[in-house]
Amino acid sequence: MNWQDFLDFMTNFRTDRIMEQLAAWNVGHLSQNPYVLAGLAVVIAIAYFLGWKAISGFIAGIGGFSYALSYAVSQGTGTEGLAGGGIWVLVGGGGVAVILFIYLLFIRSE
């Protein structure tokens, strides 16, 4: 693998291509699907009550951030997302998910 092959590979991680892939996966509709939300809540509750606090914290952190990402993608990107509040939900929801993740994983597990 030479340098040009590496640069060609890295073009897959451009923001516009990532957003196109997220839209192709219908990530924007996950925040509206009750089965996804209920399934995530059940998995977190089962892991927490079984005593797997680190795993439940990890799932809550990943699930919360994916919910915030899903909502932000459904609001739109670019200036449409700023006007619709999608970026603030992504930042705020991601911050809450990270705080919950840190609390459940490091503070509560002691």
N, C-alpha and C. Protein backbone atom coordinates (compact mmCIF):
# COMPACT_ATOMS: atom_id res chain seq x y z
N MET A 1 0.85 -1.17 0.00
CA MET A 1 0.00 0.00 0.00
C MET A 1 0.89 1.23 0.00
N ASN A 2 0.71 2.05 -0.99
CA ASN A 2 1.51 3.26 -1.06
C ASN A 2 0.68 4.46 -0.56
N TRP A 3 1.28 5.63 -0.60
CA TRP A 3 0.66 6.82 -0.05
C TRP A 3 -0.62 7.21 -0.81
N GLN A 4 -0.64 7.05 -2.11
CA GLN A 4 -1.82 7.40 -2.90
C GLN A 4 -3.00 6.48 -2.58
N ASP A 5 -2.72 5.18 -2.39
CA ASP A 5 -3.77 4.25 -2.00
C ASP A 5 -4.36 4.63 -0.65
N PHE A 6 -3.51 5.04 0.27
CA PHE A 6 -3.97 5.47 1.59
C PHE A 6 -4.84 6.72 1.49
N LEU A 7 -4.43 7.68 0.68
CA LEU A 7 -5.23 8.90 0.50
C LEU A 7 -6.56 8.60 -0.17
N ASP A 8 -6.58 7.68 -1.13
CA ASP A 8 -7.83 7.28 -1.76
C ASP A 8 -8.76 6.60 -0.75
N PHE A 9 -8.19 5.80 0.13
CA PHE A 9 -8.98 5.16 1.17
C PHE A 9 -9.56 6.17 2.15
N MET A 10 -8.78 7.20 2.49
CA MET A 10 -9.23 8.19 3.45
C MET A 10 -10.33 9.10 2.90
N THR A 11 -10.50 9.14 1.59
CA THR A 11 -11.60 9.94 1.04
C THR A 11 -12.96 9.35 1.41
N ASN A 12 -13.00 8.09 1.81
CA ASN A 12 -14.25 7.48 2.28
C ASN A 12 -14.74 8.12 3.57
N PHE A 13 -13.87 8.78 4.32
CA PHE A 13 -14.23 9.35 5.61
C PHE A 13 -14.52 10.84 5.54
N ARG A 14 -14.76 11.36 4.35
CA ARG A 14 -15.16 12.75 4.22
C ARG A 14 -16.56 12.91 4.79
N THR A 15 -16.86 14.09 5.30
CA THR A 15 -18.14 14.32 5.97
C THR A 15 -19.32 14.08 5.05
N ASP A 16 -19.23 14.52 3.81
CA ASP A 16 -20.36 14.33 2.90
C ASP A 16 -20.61 12.85 2.61
N ARG A 17 -19.57 12.08 2.51
CA ARG A 17 -19.76 10.64 2.26
C ARG A 17 -20.30 9.93 3.50
N ILE A 18 -19.86 10.35 4.67
CA ILE A 18 -20.38 9.74 5.90
C ILE A 18 -21.85 10.06 6.05
N MET A 19 -22.25 11.29 5.79
CA MET A 19 -23.66 11.67 5.90
C MET A 19 -24.51 10.94 4.86
N GLU A 20 -23.97 10.74 3.67
CA GLU A 20 -24.69 9.96 2.66
C GLU A 20 -24.89 8.52 3.12
N GLN A 21 -23.88 7.94 3.74
CA GLN A 21 -24.00 6.57 4.21
C GLN A 21 -24.99 6.47 5.36
N LEU A 22 -24.97 7.43 6.28
CA LEU A 22 -25.94 7.43 7.38
C LEU A 22 -27.36 7.59 6.86
N ALA A 23 -27.54 8.41 5.84
CA ALA A 23 -28.87 8.55 5.24
C ALA A 23 -29.28 7.27 4.52
N ALA A 24 -28.35 6.58 3.91
CA ALA A 24 -28.66 5.32 3.25
C ALA A 24 -29.07 4.25 4.24
N TRP A 25 -28.51 4.29 5.44
CA TRP A 25 -28.86 3.33 6.49
C TRP A 25 -30.14 3.71 7.24
N ASN A 26 -30.76 4.83 6.88
CA ASN A 26 -31.96 5.34 7.55
C ASN A 26 -31.74 5.57 9.04
N VAL A 27 -30.60 6.11 9.37
CA VAL A 27 -30.29 6.39 10.77
C VAL A 27 -31.21 7.46 11.33
N GLY A 28 -31.71 8.34 10.49
CA GLY A 28 -32.59 9.40 10.94
C GLY A 28 -33.92 8.89 11.46
N HIS A 29 -34.30 7.66 11.14
CA HIS A 29 -35.58 7.11 11.58
C HIS A 29 -35.47 6.27 12.85
N LEU A 30 -34.28 6.05 13.35
CA LEU A 30 -34.13 5.25 14.56
C LEU A 30 -34.73 5.94 15.78
N SER A 31 -34.68 7.25 15.83
CA SER A 31 -35.22 7.96 16.99
C SER A 31 -36.74 7.92 17.03
N GLN A 32 -37.38 7.50 15.95
CA GLN A 32 -38.83 7.42 15.90
C GLN A 32 -39.35 5.99 15.96
N ASN A 33 -38.47 5.02 15.96
CA ASN A 33 -38.87 3.62 15.97
C ASN A 33 -39.04 3.15 17.41
N PRO A 34 -40.26 2.86 17.86
CA PRO A 34 -40.46 2.47 19.26
C PRO A 34 -39.82 1.13 19.61
N TYR A 35 -39.69 0.24 18.64
CA TYR A 35 -39.07 -1.06 18.91
C TYR A 35 -37.58 -0.93 19.21
N VAL A 36 -36.91 -0.04 18.51
CA VAL A 36 -35.49 0.19 18.76
C VAL A 36 -35.29 0.80 20.14
N LEU A 37 -36.11 1.79 20.48
CA LEU A 37 -35.99 2.45 21.77
C LEU A 37 -36.33 1.51 22.92
N ALA A 38 -37.42 0.74 22.78
CA ALA A 38 -37.80 -0.20 23.83
C ALA A 38 -36.77 -1.31 23.96
N GLY A 39 -36.26 -1.80 22.86
CA GLY A 39 -35.24 -2.85 22.92
C GLY A 39 -33.97 -2.37 23.61
N LEU A 40 -33.57 -1.15 23.31
CA LEU A 40 -32.39 -0.59 23.95
C LEU A 40 -32.61 -0.42 25.45
N ALA A 41 -33.79 0.06 25.84
CA ALA A 41 -34.10 0.23 27.26
C ALA A 41 -34.14 -1.11 27.99
N VAL A 42 -34.68 -2.13 27.36
CA VAL A 42 -34.75 -3.46 27.99
C VAL A 42 -33.35 -4.04 28.16
N VAL A 43 -32.52 -3.92 27.15
CA VAL A 43 -31.15 -4.45 27.24
C VAL A 43 -30.37 -3.73 28.33
N ILE A 44 -30.51 -2.42 28.43
CA ILE A 44 -29.82 -1.66 29.48
C ILE A 44 -30.32 -2.08 30.85
N ALA A 45 -31.64 -2.23 31.02
CA ALA A 45 -32.20 -2.61 32.32
C ALA A 45 -31.76 -4.02 32.71
N ILE A 46 -31.78 -4.95 31.79
CA ILE A 46 -31.36 -6.32 32.10
C ILE A 46 -29.89 -6.35 32.51
N ALA A 47 -29.05 -5.67 31.76
CA ALA A 47 -27.63 -5.65 32.09
C ALA A 47 -27.39 -4.98 33.44
N TYR A 48 -28.13 -3.93 33.74
CA TYR A 48 -27.95 -3.23 35.01
C TYR A 48 -28.38 -4.09 36.19
N PHE A 49 -29.53 -4.76 36.07
CA PHE A 49 -30.03 -5.58 37.17
C PHE A 49 -29.27 -6.89 37.34
N LEU A 50 -28.58 -7.33 36.31
CA LEU A 50 -27.72 -8.51 36.45
C LEU A 50 -26.38 -8.17 37.10
N GLY A 51 -26.16 -6.90 37.33
CA GLY A 51 -24.92 -6.47 37.96
C GLY A 51 -23.83 -6.11 36.98
N TRP A 52 -24.14 -6.08 35.74
CA TRP A 52 -23.16 -5.72 34.72
C TRP A 52 -23.22 -4.22 34.48
N LYS A 53 -22.81 -3.46 35.48
CA LYS A 53 -22.94 -2.02 35.42
C LYS A 53 -22.05 -1.39 34.35
N ALA A 54 -20.90 -1.97 34.13
CA ALA A 54 -20.02 -1.44 33.09
C ALA A 54 -20.63 -1.65 31.71
N ILE A 55 -21.21 -2.81 31.49
CA ILE A 55 -21.83 -3.09 30.19
C ILE A 55 -23.07 -2.23 30.00
N SER A 56 -23.88 -2.07 31.05
CA SER A 56 -25.07 -1.22 30.92
C SER A 56 -24.68 0.23 30.69
N GLY A 57 -23.61 0.69 31.33
CA GLY A 57 -23.13 2.04 31.09
C GLY A 57 -22.64 2.22 29.68
N PHE A 58 -21.94 1.21 29.16
CA PHE A 58 -21.45 1.27 27.78
C PHE A 58 -22.61 1.30 26.79
N ILE A 59 -23.61 0.45 27.01
CA ILE A 59 -24.76 0.42 26.11
C ILE A 59 -25.55 1.72 26.20
N ALA A 60 -25.71 2.26 27.42
CA ALA A 60 -26.43 3.52 27.57
C ALA A 60 -25.69 4.66 26.89
N GLY A 61 -24.37 4.68 26.98
CA GLY A 61 -23.60 5.72 26.33
C GLY A 61 -23.67 5.63 24.83
N ILE A 62 -23.49 4.44 24.30
CA ILE A 62 -23.55 4.25 22.85
C ILE A 62 -24.98 4.48 22.35
N GLY A 63 -25.95 3.97 23.08
CA GLY A 63 -27.35 4.16 22.66
C GLY A 63 -27.78 5.61 22.73
N GLY A 64 -27.38 6.32 23.77
CA GLY A 64 -27.73 7.73 23.88
C GLY A 64 -27.10 8.56 22.79
N PHE A 65 -25.84 8.28 22.50
CA PHE A 65 -25.19 9.03 21.43
C PHE A 65 -25.78 8.70 20.07
N SER A 66 -26.13 7.44 19.84
CA SER A 66 -26.74 7.08 18.55
C SER A 66 -28.13 7.69 18.43
N TYR A 67 -28.86 7.81 19.55
CA TYR A 67 -30.16 8.48 19.51
C TYR A 67 -29.99 9.96 19.17
N ALA A 68 -29.01 10.60 19.80
CA ALA A 68 -28.76 12.01 19.50
C ALA A 68 -28.32 12.19 18.04
N LEU A 69 -27.49 11.29 17.55
CA LEU A 69 -27.06 11.34 16.15
C LEU A 69 -28.24 11.11 15.21
N SER A 70 -29.09 10.16 15.54
CA SER A 70 -30.26 9.88 14.73
C SER A 70 -31.18 11.09 14.66
N TYR A 71 -31.41 11.73 15.78
CA TYR A 71 -32.28 12.91 15.79
C TYR A 71 -31.65 14.05 15.01
N ALA A 72 -30.36 14.24 15.18
CA ALA A 72 -29.68 15.33 14.47
C ALA A 72 -29.69 15.10 12.96
N VAL A 73 -29.51 13.86 12.52
CA VAL A 73 -29.54 13.56 11.09
C VAL A 73 -30.95 13.76 10.55
N SER A 74 -31.98 13.42 11.34
CA SER A 74 -33.35 13.62 10.86
C SER A 74 -33.71 15.09 10.77
N GLN A 75 -33.05 15.96 11.55
CA GLN A 75 -33.30 17.39 11.47
C GLN A 75 -32.65 18.01 10.24
N GLY A 76 -31.65 17.38 9.71
CA GLY A 76 -30.97 17.89 8.53
C GLY A 76 -29.57 18.36 8.87
N THR A 77 -28.76 18.49 7.84
CA THR A 77 -27.39 18.92 8.04
C THR A 77 -27.20 20.29 7.43
N GLY A 78 -26.08 20.89 7.70
CA GLY A 78 -25.78 22.21 7.15
C GLY A 78 -26.59 23.29 7.85
N THR A 79 -26.97 24.29 7.10
CA THR A 79 -27.72 25.40 7.69
C THR A 79 -29.13 24.99 8.08
N GLU A 80 -29.69 23.98 7.42
CA GLU A 80 -31.01 23.50 7.80
C GLU A 80 -30.97 22.88 9.20
N GLY A 81 -29.89 22.17 9.50
CA GLY A 81 -29.75 21.56 10.83
C GLY A 81 -29.56 22.60 11.91
N LEU A 82 -28.87 23.68 11.59
CA LEU A 82 -28.69 24.75 12.58
C LEU A 82 -30.02 25.43 12.87
N ALA A 83 -30.81 25.67 11.84
CA ALA A 83 -32.10 26.32 12.04
C ALA A 83 -33.08 25.41 12.76
N GLY A 84 -33.01 24.10 12.50
CA GLY A 84 -33.92 23.16 13.14
C GLY A 84 -33.46 22.71 14.50
N GLY A 85 -32.29 23.10 14.93
CA GLY A 85 -31.78 22.72 16.24
C GLY A 85 -31.08 21.38 16.28
N GLY A 86 -30.80 20.80 15.11
CA GLY A 86 -30.18 19.48 15.09
C GLY A 86 -28.79 19.46 15.69
N ILE A 87 -28.01 20.52 15.46
CA ILE A 87 -26.64 20.54 15.99
C ILE A 87 -26.66 20.66 17.51
N TRP A 88 -27.62 21.42 18.04
CA TRP A 88 -27.69 21.57 19.50
C TRP A 88 -28.12 20.27 20.16
N VAL A 89 -28.98 19.53 19.51
CA VAL A 89 -29.39 18.22 20.03
C VAL A 89 -28.21 17.26 20.00
N LEU A 90 -27.43 17.32 18.92
CA LEU A 90 -26.27 16.44 18.82
C LEU A 90 -25.25 16.75 19.90
N VAL A 91 -24.97 18.03 20.10
CA VAL A 91 -23.99 18.41 21.12
C VAL A 91 -24.54 18.15 22.52
N GLY A 92 -25.76 18.58 22.78
CA GLY A 92 -26.35 18.40 24.11
C GLY A 92 -26.62 16.94 24.43
N GLY A 93 -27.22 16.23 23.48
CA GLY A 93 -27.51 14.81 23.68
C GLY A 93 -26.24 13.98 23.78
N GLY A 94 -25.25 14.32 22.97
CA GLY A 94 -23.97 13.62 23.06
C GLY A 94 -23.29 13.89 24.39
N GLY A 95 -23.39 15.12 24.88
CA GLY A 95 -22.82 15.46 26.19
C GLY A 95 -23.50 14.70 27.32
N VAL A 96 -24.83 14.63 27.28
CA VAL A 96 -25.57 13.89 28.31
C VAL A 96 -25.24 12.40 28.23
N ALA A 97 -25.13 11.87 27.03
CA ALA A 97 -24.79 10.45 26.87
C ALA A 97 -23.40 10.16 27.41
N VAL A 98 -22.45 11.06 27.17
CA VAL A 98 -21.09 10.85 27.68
C VAL A 98 -21.06 10.96 29.20
N ILE A 99 -21.78 11.93 29.76
CA ILE A 99 -21.84 12.07 31.23
C ILE A 99 -22.48 10.84 31.85
N LEU A 100 -23.59 10.34 31.27
CA LEU A 100 -24.22 9.13 31.78
C LEU A 100 -23.29 7.93 31.66
N PHE A 101 -22.57 7.85 30.56
CA PHE A 101 -21.61 6.76 30.35
C PHE A 101 -20.52 6.80 31.42
N ILE A 102 -19.96 7.96 31.67
CA ILE A 102 -18.90 8.09 32.68
C ILE A 102 -19.44 7.78 34.06
N TYR A 103 -20.63 8.27 34.37
CA TYR A 103 -21.22 8.02 35.68
C TYR A 103 -21.45 6.54 35.91
N LEU A 104 -22.10 5.87 34.96
CA LEU A 104 -22.41 4.45 35.14
C LEU A 104 -21.17 3.57 35.09
N LEU A 105 -20.20 3.96 34.28
CA LEU A 105 -19.04 3.10 34.09
C LEU A 105 -18.01 3.26 35.20
N PHE A 106 -17.76 4.51 35.61
CA PHE A 106 -16.67 4.74 36.55
C PHE A 106 -17.12 5.09 37.96
N ILE A 107 -18.13 5.91 38.11
CA ILE A 107 -18.52 6.38 39.43
C ILE A 107 -19.45 5.38 40.10
N ARG A 108 -20.50 4.97 39.43
CA ARG A 108 -21.51 4.09 40.01
C ARG A 108 -20.99 2.66 40.19
N SER A 109 -20.05 2.24 39.42
CA SER A 109 -19.59 0.84 39.48
C SER A 109 -18.71 0.56 40.69
N GLU A 110 -18.31 1.59 41.43
CA GLU A 110 -17.43 1.36 42.59
C GLU A 110 -18.16 0.82 43.78
